[in-house]
Protein backbone atom coordinates (compact mmCIF):
# COMPACT_ATOMS: atom_id res chain seq x y z
CA MET A 1 11.96 -3.85 9.83
CA THR A 2 8.82 -5.67 10.98
CA ARG A 3 7.52 -8.36 8.64
CA LYS A 4 5.66 -6.84 5.69
CA THR A 5 2.91 -7.95 3.34
CA ILE A 6 3.51 -7.20 -0.34
CA LEU A 7 0.79 -7.66 -2.96
CA ALA A 8 1.66 -7.90 -6.67
CA THR A 9 -0.73 -7.85 -9.63
CA GLN A 10 1.48 -10.33 -11.53
CA PRO A 11 4.41 -12.60 -10.65
CA LEU A 12 7.76 -10.86 -10.18
CA ASP A 13 11.26 -11.86 -11.25
CA ALA A 14 13.60 -13.90 -9.06
CA TYR A 15 15.41 -10.84 -7.69
CA ALA A 16 12.26 -9.00 -6.58
CA THR A 17 10.65 -12.19 -5.28
CA ALA A 18 13.68 -12.99 -3.13
CA ALA A 19 14.02 -9.43 -1.86
CA PHE A 20 10.37 -9.10 -0.87
CA THR A 21 10.05 -12.57 0.68
CA ASP A 22 13.14 -11.74 2.72
CA VAL A 23 11.22 -8.96 4.47
CA GLY A 24 7.76 -10.50 4.55
CA GLU A 25 5.06 -12.30 2.59
CA LEU A 26 4.64 -11.82 -1.16
CA ILE A 27 1.11 -12.41 -2.46
CA ILE A 28 0.10 -12.54 -6.13
CA ALA A 29 -3.39 -11.15 -6.71
CA THR A 30 -5.84 -13.53 -8.39
CA ASP A 31 -8.69 -11.07 -9.03
CA LEU A 32 -7.58 -7.83 -10.73
CA SER A 33 -11.03 -6.24 -10.82
CA GLU A 34 -11.59 -3.19 -8.64
CA ALA A 35 -13.76 -5.23 -6.28
CA GLY A 36 -11.18 -8.00 -6.11
CA LEU A 37 -8.32 -5.60 -5.37
CA ILE A 38 -10.37 -3.74 -2.75
CA LYS A 39 -10.55 -7.03 -0.84
CA ALA A 40 -6.92 -7.96 -1.49
CA VAL A 41 -5.33 -4.68 -0.32
CA LYS A 42 -6.63 -4.90 3.23
CA GLY A 43 -3.65 -4.86 5.56
CA ILE A 44 -0.90 -4.78 2.90
CA ASP A 45 2.24 -2.66 3.28
CA ALA A 46 3.29 -2.49 -0.38
CA LEU A 47 1.65 -2.93 -3.80
CA VAL A 48 3.49 -3.82 -7.00
CA VAL A 49 1.54 -2.91 -10.13
CA ARG A 50 2.42 -4.76 -13.32
CA GLY A 51 0.41 -4.28 -16.50
CA ALA A 52 -2.48 -1.91 -17.17
CA VAL A 53 -4.28 -2.50 -13.88
CA PRO A 54 -6.19 0.61 -12.69
CA ILE A 55 -5.40 1.50 -9.09
CA THR A 56 -8.35 3.68 -8.25
CA GLU A 57 -9.11 5.99 -5.36
CA ALA A 58 -11.44 3.33 -3.93
CA ILE A 59 -8.65 0.73 -3.90
CA ILE A 60 -6.26 3.20 -2.28
CA GLU A 61 -8.80 4.18 0.38
CA HIS A 62 -9.37 0.55 1.32
CA ALA A 63 -5.60 0.02 1.63
CA ARG A 64 -5.29 2.68 4.32
CA PRO A 65 -3.71 3.00 6.78
CA THR A 66 -1.18 0.21 6.25
CA LEU A 67 -0.20 0.76 2.58
CA LYS A 68 2.98 2.82 2.37
CA VAL A 69 4.22 2.39 -1.19
CA ILE A 70 2.99 1.50 -4.69
CA GLY A 71 5.60 0.36 -7.22
CA ARG A 72 5.32 0.40 -11.01
CA THR A 73 7.45 -1.83 -13.21
CA GLY A 74 8.03 0.90 -15.75
CA VAL A 75 7.96 4.64 -16.22
CA GLY A 76 4.23 5.17 -16.88
CA TYR A 77 1.84 5.60 -13.96
CA ASP A 78 -1.31 6.88 -15.69
CA THR A 79 -3.29 3.87 -14.36
CA ILE A 80 -2.64 4.92 -10.75
CA ASP A 81 -4.64 7.64 -9.00
CA VAL A 82 -1.52 9.49 -7.86
CA ALA A 83 -3.52 12.34 -6.29
CA ALA A 84 -5.40 9.88 -4.07
CA ALA A 85 -2.14 8.15 -3.15
CA THR A 86 -0.54 11.47 -2.23
CA ARG A 87 -3.49 12.42 -0.03
CA ALA A 88 -3.14 9.08 1.72
CA GLY A 89 0.61 9.53 2.25
CA ILE A 90 1.44 6.64 -0.09
CA ALA A 91 4.58 6.94 -2.22
CA VAL A 92 4.31 5.98 -5.89
CA ILE A 93 7.54 4.52 -7.23
CA ASN A 94 8.38 4.19 -10.93
CA THR A 95 11.55 3.46 -12.89
CA PRO A 96 12.21 6.36 -15.28
CA GLY A 97 15.00 5.81 -17.74
CA VAL A 98 15.72 2.24 -16.66
CA GLY A 99 14.08 0.68 -19.73
CA SER A 100 14.78 3.58 -22.09
CA ARG A 101 17.45 1.87 -24.17
CA ALA A 102 15.22 -1.13 -24.88
CA VAL A 103 12.45 1.15 -26.19
CA ALA A 104 14.85 3.24 -28.28
CA GLU A 105 16.28 0.05 -29.80
CA ALA A 106 12.74 -1.11 -30.58
CA ALA A 107 12.00 2.17 -32.35
CA MET A 108 15.09 1.70 -34.52
CA ALA A 109 14.16 -1.93 -35.19
CA ASN A 110 10.65 -0.96 -36.29
CA MET A 111 11.92 1.84 -38.51
CA LEU A 112 14.27 -0.57 -40.25
CA ALA A 113 11.68 -3.34 -40.49
CA LEU A 114 9.16 -0.98 -42.09
CA CYS A 115 11.38 0.69 -44.66
CA LYS A 116 13.32 -2.49 -45.50
CA LEU A 117 10.08 -4.52 -45.84
CA ILE A 118 11.50 -7.23 -43.59
CA THR A 119 8.24 -9.05 -42.85
CA HIS A 120 7.03 -8.68 -46.46
CA TRP A 121 10.16 -10.22 -47.97
CA ASP A 122 10.14 -13.00 -45.38
CA HIS A 123 6.55 -13.89 -46.28
CA GLU A 124 7.16 -13.73 -50.03
CA LEU A 125 10.25 -15.94 -49.95
CA LYS A 126 8.60 -18.54 -47.73
CA SER A 127 5.66 -18.53 -50.16
CA GLY A 128 8.06 -19.47 -52.96
CA ASN A 129 7.81 -16.05 -54.64
CA TRP A 130 11.45 -15.26 -55.42
CA ASN A 131 10.40 -12.89 -58.20
CA ALA A 132 8.64 -10.64 -55.69
CA ARG A 133 11.97 -8.79 -55.55
CA TYR A 134 11.21 -7.25 -58.96
CA GLY A 135 7.83 -5.78 -58.02
CA LEU A 136 8.67 -3.71 -54.96
CA GLN A 137 11.61 -1.71 -53.70
CA ASN A 138 13.01 -1.11 -50.22
CA ARG A 139 13.46 2.35 -48.79
CA ASP A 140 16.24 3.68 -46.58
CA LEU A 141 17.04 5.57 -43.41
CA ASP A 142 19.94 7.23 -45.20
CA GLU A 143 19.35 10.95 -45.86
CA LYS A 144 15.85 10.77 -44.36
CA THR A 145 14.41 12.94 -41.58
CA LEU A 146 13.43 11.45 -38.24
CA GLY A 147 10.91 13.38 -36.16
CA ILE A 148 10.88 12.50 -32.46
CA VAL A 149 7.83 13.61 -30.45
CA GLY A 150 8.98 13.77 -26.83
CA LEU A 151 12.71 14.23 -26.27
CA GLY A 152 13.07 12.59 -22.89
CA GLN A 153 15.56 9.82 -22.19
CA ILE A 154 14.06 7.49 -24.80
CA GLY A 155 13.91 10.21 -27.44
CA GLN A 156 17.47 11.28 -26.74
CA LEU A 157 18.76 7.71 -27.01
CA LEU A 158 16.87 7.24 -30.27
CA ALA A 159 18.46 10.39 -31.66
CA GLU A 160 21.91 9.05 -30.77
CA MET A 161 21.14 5.71 -32.42
CA ALA A 162 19.81 7.34 -35.60
CA ARG A 163 22.78 9.63 -36.26
CA PRO A 164 25.08 6.91 -37.68
CA PHE A 165 22.36 6.17 -40.26
CA ASN A 166 22.92 9.65 -41.74
CA MET A 167 19.50 10.90 -40.68
CA THR A 168 18.45 14.50 -40.07
CA ILE A 169 16.83 14.63 -36.63
CA VAL A 170 14.14 17.06 -35.53
CA ALA A 171 12.10 16.89 -32.35
CA HIS A 172 9.08 18.43 -30.66
CA ASP A 173 9.12 18.81 -26.90
CA PRO A 174 7.52 21.91 -25.34
CA GLY A 175 9.48 21.32 -22.13
CA LEU A 176 12.87 21.93 -23.74
CA THR A 177 14.53 25.16 -24.83
CA PRO A 178 16.19 25.58 -28.25
CA GLU A 179 19.52 25.82 -26.42
CA ARG A 180 18.95 22.39 -24.85
CA GLY A 181 18.05 21.04 -28.26
CA ARG A 182 21.33 22.31 -29.68
CA GLU A 183 23.21 20.68 -26.79
CA LEU A 184 21.57 17.40 -27.75
CA GLY A 185 22.31 17.91 -31.44
CA VAL A 186 18.61 18.04 -32.33
CA GLU A 187 16.60 20.81 -33.95
CA LEU A 188 13.51 21.58 -31.87
CA VAL A 189 10.50 22.48 -34.01
CA SER A 190 6.74 22.83 -33.74
CA LEU A 191 4.67 19.65 -34.03
CA GLU A 192 3.23 20.87 -37.32
CA ASP A 193 6.71 21.50 -38.76
CA LEU A 194 7.91 18.11 -37.55
CA LEU A 195 5.01 16.27 -39.18
CA GLY A 196 5.50 18.08 -42.47
CA ARG A 197 9.23 17.40 -42.67
CA SER A 198 9.65 13.91 -41.27
CA ASP A 199 9.94 10.66 -43.19
CA PHE A 200 9.72 8.79 -39.87
CA VAL A 201 7.72 10.00 -36.87
CA SER A 202 8.40 8.25 -33.57
CA LEU A 203 6.18 9.00 -30.57
CA HIS A 204 7.81 9.03 -27.12
CA CYS A 205 5.73 11.55 -25.19
CA PRO A 206 3.89 10.85 -21.92
CA LEU A 207 0.11 10.51 -21.90
CA ILE A 208 -1.16 13.75 -20.39
CA PRO A 209 -4.25 15.81 -21.29
CA GLN A 210 -2.24 17.79 -23.86
CA THR A 211 -1.06 14.65 -25.68
CA ARG A 212 -4.25 12.59 -25.62
CA GLY A 213 -5.37 12.23 -29.25
CA LEU A 214 -2.28 14.17 -30.37
CA ILE A 215 -2.22 12.34 -33.70
CA ASN A 216 -5.64 12.89 -35.24
CA ARG A 217 -7.04 13.28 -38.76
CA GLU A 218 -6.05 16.91 -39.01
CA ARG A 219 -2.46 16.29 -38.01
CA MET A 220 -2.27 13.15 -40.12
CA ALA A 221 -3.06 15.32 -43.13
CA LEU A 222 0.03 17.43 -42.33
CA MET A 223 2.38 14.45 -42.57
CA LYS A 224 4.65 13.92 -45.55
CA PRO A 225 2.91 11.43 -47.89
CA GLY A 226 4.32 7.95 -47.36
CA ALA A 227 5.83 8.72 -43.96
CA TYR A 228 6.13 6.02 -41.32
CA LEU A 229 4.61 6.38 -37.84
CA ILE A 230 5.92 4.49 -34.80
CA ASN A 231 4.09 4.56 -31.47
CA LEU A 232 5.89 3.10 -28.46
CA ALA A 233 4.47 5.69 -26.03
CA ARG A 234 0.82 5.22 -25.07
CA GLY A 235 -2.06 4.07 -27.25
CA ALA A 236 -4.24 7.09 -26.50
CA VAL A 237 -1.65 9.48 -27.96
CA ILE A 238 -3.25 8.45 -31.28
CA GLU A 239 -6.91 9.44 -31.58
CA SER A 240 -8.03 6.04 -32.86
CA LEU A 241 -7.03 3.08 -35.01
CA ASP A 242 -9.52 4.40 -37.58
CA VAL A 243 -7.25 7.40 -38.17
CA LEU A 244 -4.28 5.13 -38.89
CA HIS A 245 -6.36 2.82 -41.05
CA GLU A 246 -7.45 5.74 -43.20
CA GLY A 247 -3.84 6.88 -43.50
CA LEU A 248 -2.68 3.44 -44.65
CA GLN A 249 -5.57 3.12 -47.11
CA SER A 250 -4.88 6.49 -48.72
CA GLY A 251 -1.11 6.06 -48.79
CA GLN A 252 -0.63 9.07 -46.55
CA LEU A 253 1.16 6.62 -44.27
CA GLY A 254 3.81 4.31 -45.68
CA GLY A 255 3.50 2.09 -42.64
CA VAL A 256 2.90 2.06 -38.91
CA ALA A 257 4.42 0.20 -35.98
CA LEU A 258 2.34 -0.06 -32.80
CA ASP A 259 3.36 -1.48 -29.44
CA VAL A 260 0.61 0.26 -27.46
CA PHE A 261 -3.16 0.45 -27.85
CA ASP A 262 -6.21 2.10 -26.32
CA PRO A 263 -8.04 0.05 -25.24
CA ALA A 264 -5.57 -2.75 -24.59
CA PRO A 265 -5.67 -5.41 -25.81
CA PRO A 266 -7.09 -4.10 -29.11
CA ASP A 267 -9.89 -5.62 -31.17
CA ILE A 268 -7.86 -7.57 -33.72
CA ASN A 269 -10.88 -7.67 -36.03
CA HIS A 270 -10.21 -4.02 -36.83
CA PRO A 271 -9.23 -3.77 -40.52
CA ILE A 272 -5.88 -2.13 -39.72
CA PHE A 273 -4.57 -5.54 -38.66
CA THR A 274 -4.92 -6.85 -42.22
CA PHE A 275 -2.25 -4.46 -43.55
CA LYS A 276 1.20 -5.93 -44.12
CA ASN A 277 2.77 -2.55 -43.43
CA CYS A 278 1.19 -2.42 -39.97
CA LEU A 279 3.62 -3.99 -37.49
CA THR A 280 2.29 -4.75 -34.03
CA SER A 281 3.45 -6.06 -30.68
CA PRO A 282 1.61 -6.54 -27.34
CA HIS A 283 3.23 -3.69 -25.35
CA SER A 284 6.35 -5.85 -25.14
CA MET A 285 9.12 -3.61 -26.46
CA ALA A 286 10.06 -2.23 -23.04
CA THR A 287 10.22 -5.66 -21.43
CA SER A 288 13.47 -6.98 -22.88
CA GLU A 289 15.71 -9.13 -20.69
CA CYS A 290 18.14 -6.38 -19.74
CA ALA A 291 15.40 -3.80 -19.28
CA MET A 292 13.32 -5.95 -16.96
CA ASN A 293 16.35 -6.90 -14.87
CA ARG A 294 17.09 -3.21 -14.34
CA ILE A 295 13.44 -2.28 -13.80
CA PHE A 296 12.84 -4.89 -11.10
CA ARG A 297 16.03 -3.96 -9.28
CA SER A 298 15.30 -0.24 -9.35
CA MET A 299 11.67 -0.63 -8.26
CA THR A 300 12.45 -3.15 -5.51
CA ARG A 301 15.29 -1.03 -4.13
CA ASP A 302 13.13 2.08 -3.92
CA MET A 303 10.09 0.29 -2.47
CA LEU A 304 12.22 -1.26 0.28
CA ALA A 305 13.76 2.15 0.94
CA VAL A 306 10.31 3.62 1.58
CA LEU A 307 9.37 0.72 3.85
CA ASN A 308 12.62 1.35 5.77
CA GLY A 309 11.89 5.07 6.10
CA GLU A 310 14.72 5.95 3.71
CA PRO A 311 14.55 8.24 0.64
CA PRO A 312 13.97 6.44 -2.69
CA GLN A 313 15.79 7.44 -5.86
CA PHE A 314 12.65 7.69 -8.00
CA VAL A 315 9.30 8.79 -6.59
CA VAL A 316 6.41 10.30 -8.54
CA ASN A 317 4.89 12.15 -5.58
CA PRO A 318 7.69 13.22 -3.21
CA THR A 319 5.29 15.18 -0.99
CA SER A 320 3.83 11.84 0.11
CA LEU A 321 7.06 11.19 2.03
CA GLN A 322 6.73 14.30 4.20
């Protein structure tokens, strides 16, 4: 392999850094604007995209003809113009399933934290309010219904994790047949049925036109009063923070847990961030130690395969390799 030039939007881990510097020069971009990346991609062979950095058609066009592969440290690739990459013969690599367990664990952790009032009790005790225990009561996962929206690898792992808690599990995924649902031990139902039956709703669907704004005011009104909503998918799957704020104010929602936002980062002056039963994190649940180790190894392996003219394991646009 001739020496390559690899551009990354953020620093990489030790494994990826060593692997890429072994085959060429690794450059970390300093200007992530479209104009800055248009300048930076001239003459590169590979592009690693970390974070929510849009890789537009203009950036891809300016990277031709040398750019051969774009790698994503994660499963989502909605910030990359895949159609433009395919037209240019550029493979887009992602890492489906590699970080799934970390996200499923995070969904369980948020469900438990919400219904067990973990952050509330921590705050009350540290404030010296021992008697707070008499004014409020925890809830349980036991005998409750979990509704999973999107039964891919993350959703399936979450279902497995929830079973020992004696939960009834329903799911909505238009891509699966009822027979497949039975094989997975999950009842597949309509979205409306899921919202009406579930005590916990956990979102794990991709962001596509059909799921943008999936949770809106109308669907919020269908939810069981006091239900909990967890979103570890994409921020835009929920119509707006206003919808969630209204649900928390009215009591329609018992609590929410959000790891993703649209736009990101969110405006923390929004009133939803004043609610104790609104748990938040900065899109960090999929970046656990084990998950990131696996993600970097999978992405690096497949990007180097493309540069070597070999078939990668995971590629979003396989026709680009023809």
